[in-house]
Amino acid sequence: MTLFARAVFLVLVAATFAAFFVAQRLKGTPPVVNIGHLTRYFSPNGDGTRDVNAISFSLREADRVTASIVDTGGDEVKRLATDVPARPYRPVKLLWGGETDLGARAADGGYRLRINLRREGRSIVVPELISLDTKPPAPRVIRTQPAVIGPQPAPVRIRVTGVSRRAPTTVRIVRTDVTPPQRVATLRIKRGRHRAIWNGLVGDAPAPAGTYMAVPSVRDRAGNVGTTPARIPPSGPVPGKAGITVRTIAVQPPSAPVRAGERFTLFVDARKLPYSYRLRRVGGHVVARGRVTDGRARLELRAPGGISGAYLLQVRARRYAATVPVLVQSAERAPLLVVMPTMTWLGLDAVDDDGDGMPNTLPAGGPVGVQRTFAGLPAGFADGVAPVLVALDRARVRYDIASDLELGRGEPLRAGERPGVLLPGPERWIPRALARRLRRYVTDGGRVASFGADTLRRGVTLQGGRLENPTEAAPVDAFGTRVGRLQRAEGPPPPLEPLQEDRALGLLVGTAGRLEGFAAVEESAPPRARRTRLLTAVGREVPAERRDRAAERGEPPPEPRPALAATRQGSGLVIRVGLPDWSRRIFSDADVGQITRNIVDILRGTDPRPRSPL
């Protein structure tokens, strides 16, 4: 080794030893800045938990300091203090609420504290990262097992994902088929665990039949609480399978009429209990009965022979019972077609089809399956549809029976083959194609009568086995009639008087046309279209004060709007009864019963005549 190389080697060795001793000395020297408190994770979202980051630090020597929050690129986000005096080892306390210098909330991400020391002329960036996080966690229930229980309580195993390793998870059991939704139980899962068990009880009693949702909540290390869904009812789809159905007994009837005398199948969920059944005509006697001892779900029956009509199948297991309608179509054809509002029944049936814990209904946006179980009679059947069918049977009127599902799928409807169509209950949703066919049927000479308010005003898509994309109520119905909102009288309701009468039509034959006691009225204005003419109308006269106000303004007097109207449209006729209490008064009010018979006669093409009460 040359002399020069030896010299360089000795210098490097000496420098290494010097650096080692300096480093050891620095390690033992107190730091210039000592951090007393700094929240590593916080969430300035206004929920009262970790909304503000409380920061404190102290200096080894007195100085004047400027403190700022900087992002990971070193750019200042928020100035917390400017040129403030700091005494040795006395804490400097600062607060950061997550805002920027411009007053906006800083974006989620990592930040650091930078301290400028004026006297020393240097800046120190504290290495600890401050995580600003306002995004709540997203726990969700991926499975409930079993998803259907009842009538006796049974343990339901609930599996949750997205839990925290630092905090426990809360699971609320919420009943969702009632308004407002009701919390019935609260479960806790230990931190890091994924399973909870609900015992199927509400208090000390078995949970009532209905739809329930397991709603998990968890808090993350920044203080955010995540709940799925965030609110009930949710604003969109609920991820996972959080649904629990408590069922006592339910039946899935055929969605279309069955042929008289032929065998048909129903599905019964009696929770595997033995059950009995009986079948009777609406308003009539029992035509079949039996017992299933093995509790099987598949029930085969033979449809009654003879004329068309609706039958009620009651299934009973122990103290639980369910009754559903079964439609039977005769082999012989009748001039009058009675169309059941099956799509409305399905759309209002509170059943959780997809297991997310929310009932799938059309008012909630759907979709709704066309094969559904019912725990009882469909909405509006007992006090709307049934009295009309009983009235037809008592009057010995023969008719065909159909479901609006059949018509929605393209079942022929031609005025030349069938003179009249009766809608005995509100058709709240119908496909647009069916609305067009009904209009064409009327303009070609057909006659349509509808009972009940809020009918033929909403669209829905019939796609395969589902009803999808329901619309809001339009201001006009399928025939162009402008429909007002349902009005309810306070106190004794004023009578409905004849506003206009075409005696040749005979709608009011056998009555004075005056109807008393209708507290709920849905008025309408016939369409102003070519080849359209109001024939007969019954409604309330315009109050004198409204006429006086119009006169004071120089306006024409307001025209009364009928609640019961018959309108000529093209070659056909539309009769609209906008009185929701009409059907239930068919047998208690002689005039209502007479007008109902008159409507049926007009639909069949016969002349109305006075008759004794039904």
Foldseek 3Di string as FASTA:
>chain_A
DDPVVVVVVVVVVVVVVVVVVVVVVVVPDDDQKAWDAWQQFAELPPPPGRQKTKTKMAGQAKFFKWKFKAAPVRHGFATFDDRHIGHGPDMDITMDRQHGPVGHHDDFDWIWMKMQTVVVGDIDTDPRIRTHDNDAFAKAWADWPPQEDDPDWAKIKTFIPRFAQVAKKKKWKWFQPDPPIGTQDIWIGGGPDTIDIDRCDRVNHHDDFGKIFIKMWYADSNGHIHIFVPDPVHPDDTPHQGMHGYDQKWKWEDLKADEAFAKDKIFIPNVQAKKKKWKAFQVGDTDDIDIDHRSGGIDMDTHHADAWGKMWMWMDGVPAIAIEIHTYFYPDAAQEEEEELLLQLQQPAQDDPPRNRGGAHVVVFHKTFSGDIHSYYGPCCPQFVSLLRVLCVVVVHGYGYTYLVCVLVPDDDACVRHAFYEHRAANQEGALVSLVVVLVRFLNAHEYEYDEANHQFWYWDDDPRITGDIDDGDQAGSNRKGKDDKAFDDDFDDKKAKPAADVVLPLQAQHNLIGGDQRIAIFIHGHPDPQKAWHTFIGDDDDPVQQVVCVVVVHHRDDTTGQWTWMRHNNGIYTYHHGRNLSNCLQVDQSSVLSSVSSVCSNSPHHRHHDGRD
